[in-house]
Amino acid sequence: MLGIDVSKTTLACTQLLSLQQPAVWALSVPNTPTGIARLIARSAPDEPWVVEPTGRYSQPLVVQARAAGRTVLLAQPKRAKAFLASVSPHAKTDRLDSAG
């Protein structure tokens, strides 16, 4: 699974094989068509992407990833925020959000 935290300028990404294992990799790419293409090239075609929708900042990511055949799951923002608040660490960073 590829968890992606979307902001205006960047996409903070974390690849997880399972919730019990540490992240396989984590990186940040620009929130641009080129950055999204880099994620498409780096992830497996059957790997689901989990994105917290942020309106106009996440829309290009979702459209481009789905056009490339990726499964994009949209996390409900309220539930995602509640889940992240319940687990450690409690720091608010994009990298931690992408893993959550």
PDB file of N, CA and C in Angstrom:
ATOM      1  N   MET A   1       0.851  -1.160   0.000  1.00  0.00           N
ATOM      2  CA  MET A   1       0.000   0.000   0.000  1.00  0.00           C
ATOM      3  C   MET A   1       0.898   1.225   0.000  1.00  0.00           C
ATOM      4  N   LEU A   2       0.487   2.239  -0.745  1.00  0.00           N
ATOM      5  CA  LEU A   2       1.201   3.502  -0.792  1.00  0.00           C
ATOM      6  C   LEU A   2       0.330   4.564  -0.147  1.00  0.00           C
ATOM      7  N   GLY A   3       0.772   5.082   1.002  1.00  0.00           N
ATOM      8  CA  GLY A   3       0.057   6.149   1.691  1.00  0.00           C
ATOM      9  C   GLY A   3       0.610   7.487   1.236  1.00  0.00           C
ATOM     10  N   ILE A   4      -0.284   8.407   0.887  1.00  0.00           N
ATOM     11  CA  ILE A   4       0.152   9.704   0.360  1.00  0.00           C
ATOM     12  C   ILE A   4      -0.543  10.823   1.115  1.00  0.00           C
ATOM     13  N   ASP A   5       0.273  11.719   1.689  1.00  0.00           N
ATOM     14  CA  ASP A   5      -0.247  12.927   2.314  1.00  0.00           C
ATOM     15  C   ASP A   5      -0.051  14.058   1.310  1.00  0.00           C
ATOM     16  N   VAL A   6      -1.143  14.706   0.937  1.00  0.00           N
ATOM     17  CA  VAL A   6      -1.125  15.717  -0.123  1.00  0.00           C
ATOM     18  C   VAL A   6      -1.079  17.114   0.474  1.00  0.00           C
ATOM     19  N   SER A   7      -0.182  17.924  -0.043  1.00  0.00           N
ATOM     20  CA  SER A   7      -0.187  19.344   0.279  1.00  0.00           C
ATOM     21  C   SER A   7      -0.125  20.115  -1.038  1.00  0.00           C
ATOM     22  N   LYS A   8      -0.153  21.410  -0.952  1.00  0.00           N
ATOM     23  CA  LYS A   8      -0.162  22.246  -2.151  1.00  0.00           C
ATOM     24  C   LYS A   8       1.061  21.999  -3.021  1.00  0.00           C
ATOM     25  N   THR A   9       2.225  21.840  -2.408  1.00  0.00           N
ATOM     26  CA  THR A   9       3.464  21.738  -3.186  1.00  0.00           C
ATOM     27  C   THR A   9       4.105  20.366  -3.194  1.00  0.00           C
ATOM     28  N   THR A  10       3.779  19.502  -2.214  1.00  0.00           N
ATOM     29  CA  THR A  10       4.458  18.208  -2.136  1.00  0.00           C
ATOM     30  C   THR A  10       3.492  17.063  -1.892  1.00  0.00           C
ATOM     31  N   LEU A  11       3.987  15.873  -2.191  1.00  0.00           N
ATOM     32  CA  LEU A  11       3.305  14.620  -1.882  1.00  0.00           C
ATOM     33  C   LEU A  11       4.264  13.819  -1.007  1.00  0.00           C
ATOM     34  N   ALA A  12       3.919  13.638   0.263  1.00  0.00           N
ATOM     35  CA  ALA A  12       4.724  12.834   1.184  1.00  0.00           C
ATOM     36  C   ALA A  12       4.199  11.405   1.086  1.00  0.00           C
ATOM     37  N   CYS A  13       5.072  10.473   0.728  1.00  0.00           N
ATOM     38  CA  CYS A  13       4.645   9.113   0.418  1.00  0.00           C
ATOM     39  C   CYS A  13       5.380   8.091   1.273  1.00  0.00           C
ATOM     40  N   THR A  14       4.650   7.048   1.663  1.00  0.00           N
ATOM     41  CA  THR A  14       5.226   5.942   2.420  1.00  0.00           C
ATOM     42  C   THR A  14       4.656   4.645   1.876  1.00  0.00           C
ATOM     43  N   GLN A  15       5.552   3.710   1.535  1.00  0.00           N
ATOM     44  CA  GLN A  15       5.097   2.403   1.071  1.00  0.00           C
ATOM     45  C   GLN A  15       5.167   1.418   2.233  1.00  0.00           C
ATOM     46  N   LEU A  16       4.040   0.739   2.480  1.00  0.00           N
ATOM     47  CA  LEU A  16       3.941  -0.257   3.542  1.00  0.00           C
ATOM     48  C   LEU A  16       3.519  -1.592   2.939  1.00  0.00           C
ATOM     49  N   LEU A  17       4.151  -2.670   3.411  1.00  0.00           N
ATOM     50  CA  LEU A  17       3.712  -4.000   2.996  1.00  0.00           C
ATOM     51  C   LEU A  17       2.635  -4.525   3.931  1.00  0.00           C
ATOM     52  N   SER A  18       2.747  -4.168   5.209  1.00  0.00           N
ATOM     53  CA  SER A  18       1.720  -4.520   6.190  1.00  0.00           C
ATOM     54  C   SER A  18       1.811  -3.534   7.336  1.00  0.00           C
ATOM     55  N   LEU A  19       0.797  -3.509   8.170  1.00  0.00           N
ATOM     56  CA  LEU A  19       0.785  -2.597   9.312  1.00  0.00           C
ATOM     57  C   LEU A  19       1.775  -3.017  10.390  1.00  0.00           C
ATOM     58  N   GLN A  20       2.184  -4.278  10.376  1.00  0.00           N
ATOM     59  CA  GLN A  20       3.088  -4.781  11.401  1.00  0.00           C
ATOM     60  C   GLN A  20       4.558  -4.601  11.033  1.00  0.00           C
ATOM     61  N   GLN A  21       4.864  -4.234   9.799  1.00  0.00           N
ATOM     62  CA  GLN A  21       6.249  -4.096   9.356  1.00  0.00           C
ATOM     63  C   GLN A  21       6.606  -2.628   9.178  1.00  0.00           C
ATOM     64  N   PRO A  22       7.897  -2.320   9.281  1.00  0.00           N
ATOM     65  CA  PRO A  22       8.306  -0.930   9.042  1.00  0.00           C
ATOM     66  C   PRO A  22       8.112  -0.562   7.573  1.00  0.00           C
ATOM     67  N   ALA A  23       8.123   0.722   7.311  1.00  0.00           N
ATOM     68  CA  ALA A  23       7.951   1.206   5.936  1.00  0.00           C
ATOM     69  C   ALA A  23       9.060   0.673   5.040  1.00  0.00           C
ATOM     70  N   VAL A  24       8.685   0.340   3.813  1.00  0.00           N
ATOM     71  CA  VAL A  24       9.662  -0.118   2.828  1.00  0.00           C
ATOM     72  C   VAL A  24      10.480   1.077   2.348  1.00  0.00           C
ATOM     73  N   TRP A  25       9.794   2.159   2.027  1.00  0.00           N
ATOM     74  CA  TRP A  25      10.460   3.409   1.654  1.00  0.00           C
ATOM     75  C   TRP A  25       9.525   4.573   1.914  1.00  0.00           C
ATOM     76  N   ALA A  26      10.126   5.742   2.034  1.00  0.00           N
ATOM     77  CA  ALA A  26       9.378   6.981   2.211  1.00  0.00           C
ATOM     78  C   ALA A  26      10.099   8.070   1.441  1.00  0.00           C
ATOM     79  N   LEU A  27       9.345   8.900   0.760  1.00  0.00           N
ATOM     80  CA  LEU A  27       9.939  10.003   0.031  1.00  0.00           C
ATOM     81  C   LEU A  27       8.916  11.096  -0.183  1.00  0.00           C
ATOM     82  N   SER A  28       9.404  12.228  -0.580  1.00  0.00           N
ATOM     83  CA  SER A  28       8.545  13.364  -0.887  1.00  0.00           C
ATOM     84  C   SER A  28       8.845  13.793  -2.314  1.00  0.00           C
ATOM     85  N   VAL A  29       7.784  13.985  -3.093  1.00  0.00           N
ATOM     86  CA  VAL A  29       7.940  14.432  -4.480  1.00  0.00           C
ATOM     87  C   VAL A  29       7.092  15.683  -4.674  1.00  0.00           C
ATOM     88  N   PRO A  30       7.413  16.475  -5.686  1.00  0.00           N
ATOM     89  CA  PRO A  30       6.591  17.658  -5.947  1.00  0.00           C
ATOM     90  C   PRO A  30       5.168  17.258  -6.346  1.00  0.00           C
ATOM     91  N   ASN A  31       4.199  18.057  -5.971  1.00  0.00           N
ATOM     92  CA  ASN A  31       2.816  17.815  -6.358  1.00  0.00           C
ATOM     93  C   ASN A  31       2.609  18.402  -7.755  1.00  0.00           C
ATOM     94  N   THR A  32       3.219  17.734  -8.724  1.00  0.00           N
ATOM     95  CA  THR A  32       3.175  18.122 -10.135  1.00  0.00           C
ATOM     96  C   THR A  32       2.960  16.863 -10.965  1.00  0.00           C
ATOM     97  N   PRO A  33       2.603  17.009 -12.248  1.00  0.00           N
ATOM     98  CA  PRO A  33       2.483  15.822 -13.093  1.00  0.00           C
ATOM     99  C   PRO A  33       3.770  14.987 -13.141  1.00  0.00           C
ATOM    100  N   THR A  34       4.923  15.636 -13.113  1.00  0.00           N
ATOM    101  CA  THR A  34       6.198  14.915 -13.126  1.00  0.00           C
ATOM    102  C   THR A  34       6.394  14.135 -11.826  1.00  0.00           C
ATOM    103  N   GLY A  35       6.080  14.747 -10.685  1.00  0.00           N
ATOM    104  CA  GLY A  35       6.191  14.062  -9.405  1.00  0.00           C
ATOM    105  C   GLY A  35       5.250  12.873  -9.315  1.00  0.00           C
ATOM    106  N   ILE A  36       4.041  13.039  -9.808  1.00  0.00           N
ATOM    107  CA  ILE A  36       3.058  11.945  -9.808  1.00  0.00           C
ATOM    108  C   ILE A  36       3.537  10.814 -10.710  1.00  0.00           C
ATOM    109  N   ALA A  37       4.097  11.157 -11.875  1.00  0.00           N
ATOM    110  CA  ALA A  37       4.634  10.144 -12.789  1.00  0.00           C
ATOM    111  C   ALA A  37       5.765   9.362 -12.117  1.00  0.00           C
ATOM    112  N   ARG A  38       6.550  10.028 -11.311  1.00  0.00           N
ATOM    113  CA  ARG A  38       7.631   9.360 -10.581  1.00  0.00           C
ATOM    114  C   ARG A  38       7.060   8.315  -9.615  1.00  0.00           C
ATOM    115  N   LEU A  39       5.955   8.650  -8.940  1.00  0.00           N
ATOM    116  CA  LEU A  39       5.315   7.687  -8.038  1.00  0.00           C
ATOM    117  C   LEU A  39       4.723   6.515  -8.807  1.00  0.00           C
ATOM    118  N   ILE A  40       4.123   6.799  -9.949  1.00  0.00           N
ATOM    119  CA  ILE A  40       3.550   5.734 -10.781  1.00  0.00           C
ATOM    120  C   ILE A  40       4.642   4.770 -11.208  1.00  0.00           C
ATOM    121  N   ALA A  41       5.791   5.293 -11.607  1.00  0.00           N
ATOM    122  CA  ALA A  41       6.903   4.452 -12.039  1.00  0.00           C
ATOM    123  C   ALA A  41       7.491   3.642 -10.881  1.00  0.00           C
ATOM    124  N   ARG A  42       7.454   4.196  -9.694  1.00  0.00           N
ATOM    125  CA  ARG A  42       8.079   3.546  -8.534  1.00  0.00           C
ATOM    126  C   ARG A  42       7.188   2.492  -7.880  1.00  0.00           C
ATOM    127  N   SER A  43       5.887   2.608  -8.021  1.00  0.00           N
ATOM    128  CA  SER A  43       4.985   1.671  -7.339  1.00  0.00           C
ATOM    129  C   SER A  43       4.526   0.566  -8.287  1.00  0.00           C
ATOM    130  N   ALA A  44       4.177  -0.565  -7.691  1.00  0.00           N
ATOM    131  CA  ALA A  44       3.679  -1.704  -8.466  1.00  0.00           C
ATOM    132  C   ALA A  44       2.279  -1.395  -8.990  1.00  0.00           C
ATOM    133  N   PRO A  45       1.948  -1.892 -10.190  1.00  0.00           N
ATOM    134  CA  PRO A  45       0.628  -1.609 -10.766  1.00  0.00           C
ATOM    135  C   PRO A  45      -0.547  -2.081  -9.915  1.00  0.00           C
ATOM    136  N   ASP A  46      -0.355  -3.141  -9.131  1.00  0.00           N
ATOM    137  CA  ASP A  46      -1.463  -3.663  -8.324  1.00  0.00           C
ATOM    138  C   ASP A  46      -1.449  -3.125  -6.892  1.00  0.00           C
ATOM    139  N   GLU A  47      -0.555  -2.200  -6.592  1.00  0.00           N
ATOM    140  CA  GLU A  47      -0.457  -1.629  -5.248  1.00  0.00           C
ATOM    141  C   GLU A  47      -1.489  -0.517  -5.068  1.00  0.00           C
ATOM    142  N   PRO A  48      -2.380  -0.632  -4.074  1.00  0.00           N
ATOM    143  CA  PRO A  48      -3.362   0.441  -3.866  1.00  0.00           C
ATOM    144  C   PRO A  48      -2.716   1.687  -3.275  1.00  0.00           C
ATOM    145  N   TRP A  49      -3.224   2.827  -3.669  1.00  0.00           N
ATOM    146  CA  TRP A  49      -2.792   4.123  -3.136  1.00  0.00           C
ATOM    147  C   TRP A  49      -3.888   4.620  -2.200  1.00  0.00           C
ATOM    148  N   VAL A  50      -3.511   5.124  -1.036  1.00  0.00           N
ATOM    149  CA  VAL A  50      -4.466   5.681  -0.085  1.00  0.00           C
ATOM    150  C   VAL A  50      -4.161   7.170   0.050  1.00  0.00           C
ATOM    151  N   VAL A  51      -5.166   7.984  -0.252  1.00  0.00           N
ATOM    152  CA  VAL A  51      -5.006   9.437  -0.278  1.00  0.00           C
ATOM    153  C   VAL A  51      -6.115  10.061   0.561  1.00  0.00           C
ATOM    154  N   GLU A  52      -5.747  11.037   1.387  1.00  0.00           N
ATOM    155  CA  GLU A  52      -6.762  11.834   2.069  1.00  0.00           C
ATOM    156  C   GLU A  52      -7.118  12.976   1.130  1.00  0.00           C
ATOM    157  N   PRO A  53      -8.334  13.014   0.610  1.00  0.00           N
ATOM    158  CA  PRO A  53      -8.676  14.039  -0.377  1.00  0.00           C
ATOM    159  C   PRO A  53      -8.567  15.449   0.197  1.00  0.00           C
ATOM    160  N   THR A  54      -7.916  16.311  -0.561  1.00  0.00           N
ATOM    161  CA  THR A  54      -7.746  17.708  -0.144  1.00  0.00           C
ATOM    162  C   THR A  54      -8.220  18.639  -1.245  1.00  0.00           C
ATOM    163  N   GLY A  55      -9.293  18.256  -1.899  1.00  0.00           N
ATOM    164  CA  GLY A  55      -9.870  19.124  -2.932  1.00  0.00           C
ATOM    165  C   GLY A  55      -8.958  19.302  -4.121  1.00  0.00           C
ATOM    166  N   ARG A  56      -8.705  20.532  -4.462  1.00  0.00           N
ATOM    167  CA  ARG A  56      -7.970  20.816  -5.697  1.00  0.00           C
ATOM    168  C   ARG A  56      -6.520  20.353  -5.657  1.00  0.00           C
ATOM    169  N   TYR A  57      -5.933  20.144  -4.483  1.00  0.00           N
ATOM    170  CA  TYR A  57      -4.547  19.697  -4.417  1.00  0.00           C
ATOM    171  C   TYR A  57      -4.412  18.198  -4.665  1.00  0.00           C
ATOM    172  N   SER A  58      -5.418  17.418  -4.329  1.00  0.00           N
ATOM    173  CA  SER A  58      -5.342  15.976  -4.546  1.00  0.00           C
ATOM    174  C   SER A  58      -5.970  15.535  -5.867  1.00  0.00           C
ATOM    175  N   GLN A  59      -6.797  16.362  -6.451  1.00  0.00           N
ATOM    176  CA  GLN A  59      -7.506  15.991  -7.684  1.00  0.00           C
ATOM    177  C   GLN A  59      -6.561  15.562  -8.818  1.00  0.00           C
ATOM    178  N   PRO A  60      -5.518  16.325  -9.152  1.00  0.00           N
ATOM    179  CA  PRO A  60      -4.629  15.892 -10.238  1.00  0.00           C
ATOM    180  C   PRO A  60      -3.951  14.552  -9.943  1.00  0.00           C
ATOM    181  N   LEU A  61      -3.593  14.314  -8.685  1.00  0.00           N
ATOM    182  CA  LEU A  61      -2.984  13.045  -8.301  1.00  0.00           C
ATOM    183  C   LEU A  61      -3.935  11.892  -8.575  1.00  0.00           C
ATOM    184  N   VAL A  62      -5.165  12.019  -8.119  1.00  0.00           N
ATOM    185  CA  VAL A  62      -6.152  10.952  -8.281  1.00  0.00           C
ATOM    186  C   VAL A  62      -6.426  10.698  -9.764  1.00  0.00           C
ATOM    187  N   VAL A  63      -6.609  11.747 -10.536  1.00  0.00           N
ATOM    188  CA  VAL A  63      -6.912  11.600 -11.963  1.00  0.00           C
ATOM    189  C   VAL A  63      -5.757  10.932 -12.695  1.00  0.00           C
ATOM    190  N   GLN A  64      -4.535  11.406 -12.480  1.00  0.00           N
ATOM    191  CA  GLN A  64      -3.381  10.857 -13.194  1.00  0.00           C
ATOM    192  C   GLN A  64      -3.093   9.416 -12.778  1.00  0.00           C
ATOM    193  N   ALA A  65      -3.213   9.113 -11.486  1.00  0.00           N
ATOM    194  CA  ALA A  65      -2.965   7.746 -11.021  1.00  0.00           C
ATOM    195  C   ALA A  65      -4.012   6.774 -11.556  1.00  0.00           C
ATOM    196  N   ARG A  66      -5.278   7.181 -11.529  1.00  0.00           N
ATOM    197  CA  ARG A  66      -6.326   6.293 -12.053  1.00  0.00           C
ATOM    198  C   ARG A  66      -6.196   6.114 -13.562  1.00  0.00           C
ATOM    199  N   ALA A  67      -5.779   7.155 -14.275  1.00  0.00           N
ATOM    200  CA  ALA A  67      -5.564   7.038 -15.715  1.00  0.00           C
ATOM    201  C   ALA A  67      -4.436   6.056 -16.025  1.00  0.00           C
ATOM    202  N   ALA A  68      -3.489   5.924 -15.087  1.00  0.00           N
ATOM    203  CA  ALA A  68      -2.380   4.978 -15.252  1.00  0.00           C
ATOM    204  C   ALA A  68      -2.749   3.575 -14.758  1.00  0.00           C
ATOM    205  N   GLY A  69      -4.002   3.394 -14.345  1.00  0.00           N
ATOM    206  CA  GLY A  69      -4.464   2.079 -13.923  1.00  0.00           C
ATOM    207  C   GLY A  69      -4.268   1.771 -12.453  1.00  0.00           C
ATOM    208  N   ARG A  70      -3.916   2.761 -11.650  1.00  0.00           N
ATOM    209  CA  ARG A  70      -3.728   2.535 -10.222  1.00  0.00           C
ATOM    210  C   ARG A  70      -5.071   2.587  -9.492  1.00  0.00           C
ATOM    211  N   THR A  71      -5.180   1.794  -8.450  1.00  0.00           N
ATOM    212  CA  THR A  71      -6.343   1.844  -7.569  1.00  0.00           C
ATOM    213  C   THR A  71      -6.083   2.921  -6.530  1.00  0.00           C
ATOM    214  N   VAL A  72      -6.930   3.935  -6.489  1.00  0.00           N
ATOM    215  CA  VAL A  72      -6.767   5.037  -5.550  1.00  0.00           C
ATOM    216  C   VAL A  72      -7.941   5.018  -4.582  1.00  0.00           C
ATOM    217  N   LEU A  73      -7.633   4.834  -3.306  1.00  0.00           N
ATOM    218  CA  LEU A  73      -8.641   4.816  -2.261  1.00  0.00           C
ATOM    219  C   LEU A  73      -8.610   6.166  -1.556  1.00  0.00           C
ATOM    220  N   LEU A  74      -9.768   6.745  -1.329  1.00  0.00           N
ATOM    221  CA  LEU A  74      -9.850   8.044  -0.682  1.00  0.00           C
ATOM    222  C   LEU A  74     -10.246   7.864   0.785  1.00  0.00           C
ATOM    223  N   ALA A  75      -9.346   8.225   1.672  1.00  0.00           N
ATOM    224  CA  ALA A  75      -9.607   8.121   3.111  1.00  0.00           C
ATOM    225  C   ALA A  75     -10.516   9.262   3.527  1.00  0.00           C
ATOM    226  N   GLN A  76     -11.505   8.972   4.346  1.00  0.00           N
ATOM    227  CA  GLN A  76     -12.383  10.021   4.844  1.00  0.00           C
ATOM    228  C   GLN A  76     -11.579  10.902   5.800  1.00  0.00           C
ATOM    229  N   PRO A  77     -11.486  12.206   5.515  1.00  0.00           N
ATOM    230  CA  PRO A  77     -10.621  13.083   6.319  1.00  0.00           C
ATOM    231  C   PRO A  77     -10.884  13.042   7.816  1.00  0.00           C
ATOM    232  N   LYS A  78     -12.135  13.031   8.227  1.00  0.00           N
ATOM    233  CA  LYS A  78     -12.459  13.028   9.661  1.00  0.00           C
ATOM    234  C   LYS A  78     -11.981  11.734  10.321  1.00  0.00           C
ATOM    235  N   ARG A  79     -12.197  10.607   9.664  1.00  0.00           N
ATOM    236  CA  ARG A  79     -11.781   9.317  10.225  1.00  0.00           C
ATOM    237  C   ARG A  79     -10.262   9.185  10.220  1.00  0.00           C
ATOM    238  N   ALA A  80      -9.616   9.668   9.158  1.00  0.00           N
ATOM    239  CA  ALA A  80      -8.154   9.610   9.085  1.00  0.00           C
ATOM    240  C   ALA A  80      -7.535  10.439  10.203  1.00  0.00           C
ATOM    241  N   LYS A  81      -8.071  11.619  10.435  1.00  0.00           N
ATOM    242  CA  LYS A  81      -7.561  12.497  11.495  1.00  0.00           C
ATOM    243  C   LYS A  81      -7.742  11.844  12.863  1.00  0.00           C
ATOM    244  N   ALA A  82      -8.889  11.223  13.097  1.00  0.00           N
ATOM    245  CA  ALA A  82      -9.146  10.558  14.375  1.00  0.00           C
ATOM    246  C   ALA A  82      -8.196   9.376  14.568  1.00  0.00           C
ATOM    247  N   PHE A  83      -7.968   8.620  13.518  1.00  0.00           N
ATOM    248  CA  PHE A  83      -7.040   7.485  13.619  1.00  0.00           C
ATOM    249  C   PHE A  83      -5.635   7.966  13.932  1.00  0.00           C
ATOM    250  N   LEU A  84      -5.156   8.961  13.198  1.00  0.00           N
ATOM    251  CA  LEU A  84      -3.802   9.460  13.423  1.00  0.00           C
ATOM    252  C   LEU A  84      -3.628  10.041  14.819  1.00  0.00           C
ATOM    253  N   ALA A  85      -4.688  10.627  15.353  1.00  0.00           N
ATOM    254  CA  ALA A  85      -4.617  11.178  16.712  1.00  0.00           C
ATOM    255  C   ALA A  85      -4.537  10.070  17.763  1.00  0.00           C
ATOM    256  N   SER A  86      -4.977   8.867  17.416  1.00  0.00           N
ATOM    257  CA  SER A  86      -5.022   7.778  18.390  1.00  0.00           C
ATOM    258  C   SER A  86      -3.739   6.958  18.457  1.00  0.00           C
ATOM    259  N   VAL A  87      -2.850   7.119  17.494  1.00  0.00           N
ATOM    260  CA  VAL A  87      -1.622   6.324  17.466  1.00  0.00           C
ATOM    261  C   VAL A  87      -0.412   7.199  17.742  1.00  0.00           C
ATOM    262  N   SER A  88       0.658   6.561  18.157  1.00  0.00           N
ATOM    263  CA  SER A  88       1.916   7.285  18.391  1.00  0.00           C
ATOM    264  C   SER A  88       2.733   7.243  17.122  1.00  0.00           C
ATOM    265  N   PRO A  89       3.596   8.149  16.882  1.00  0.00           N
ATOM    266  CA  PRO A  89       3.812   9.371  17.635  1.00  0.00           C
ATOM    267  C   PRO A  89       2.758  10.405  17.291  1.00  0.00           C
ATOM    268  N   HIS A  90       2.568  11.346  18.186  1.00  0.00           N
ATOM    269  CA  HIS A  90       1.518  12.348  18.032  1.00  0.00           C
ATOM    270  C   HIS A  90       1.955  13.579  17.263  1.00  0.00           C
ATOM    271  N   ALA A  91       3.196  13.592  16.783  1.00  0.00           N
ATOM    272  CA  ALA A  91       3.673  14.744  16.019  1.00  0.00           C
ATOM    273  C   ALA A  91       2.887  14.866  14.728  1.00  0.00           C
ATOM    274  N   LYS A  92       2.657  16.072  14.294  1.00  0.00           N
ATOM    275  CA  LYS A  92       1.900  16.325  13.066  1.00  0.00           C
ATOM    276  C   LYS A  92       2.892  16.671  11.960  1.00  0.00           C
ATOM    277  N   THR A  93       3.247  15.685  11.155  1.00  0.00           N
ATOM    278  CA  THR A  93       4.101  15.937  10.011  1.00  0.00           C
ATOM    279  C   THR A  93       3.535  15.194   8.816  1.00  0.00           C
ATOM    280  N   ASP A  94       3.853  15.670   7.629  1.00  0.00           N
ATOM    281  CA  ASP A  94       3.369  15.012   6.421  1.00  0.00           C
ATOM    282  C   ASP A  94       3.909  13.603   6.303  1.00  0.00           C
ATOM    283  N   ARG A  95       5.170  13.379   6.686  1.00  0.00           N
ATOM    284  CA  ARG A  95       5.758  12.051   6.597  1.00  0.00           C
ATOM    285  C   ARG A  95       5.021  11.069   7.507  1.00  0.00           C
ATOM    286  N   LEU A  96       4.710  11.488   8.735  1.00  0.00           N
ATOM    287  CA  LEU A  96       3.966  10.617   9.639  1.00  0.00           C
ATOM    288  C   LEU A  96       2.538  10.396   9.147  1.00  0.00           C
ATOM    289  N   ASP A  97       1.921  11.419   8.581  1.00  0.00           N
ATOM    290  CA  ASP A  97       0.566  11.273   8.038  1.00  0.00           C
ATOM    291  C   ASP A  97       0.547  10.276   6.891  1.00  0.00           C
ATOM    292  N   SER A  98       1.560  10.274   6.028  1.00  0.00           N
ATOM    293  CA  SER A  98       1.562   9.349   4.894  1.00  0.00           C
ATOM    294  C   SER A  98       1.686   7.911   5.368  1.00  0.00           C
ATOM    295  N   ALA A  99       2.424   7.682   6.446  1.00  0.00           N
ATOM    296  CA  ALA A  99       2.542   6.345   7.010  1.00  0.00           C
ATOM    297  C   ALA A  99       1.250   5.924   7.701  1.00  0.00           C
ATOM    298  N   GLY A 100       0.544   6.896   8.280  1.00  0.00           N
ATOM    299  CA  GLY A 100      -0.718   6.598   8.973  1.00  0.00           C
ATOM    300  C   GLY A 100      -1.818   6.283   8.021  1.00  0.00           C
TER     301      GLY A 100
END
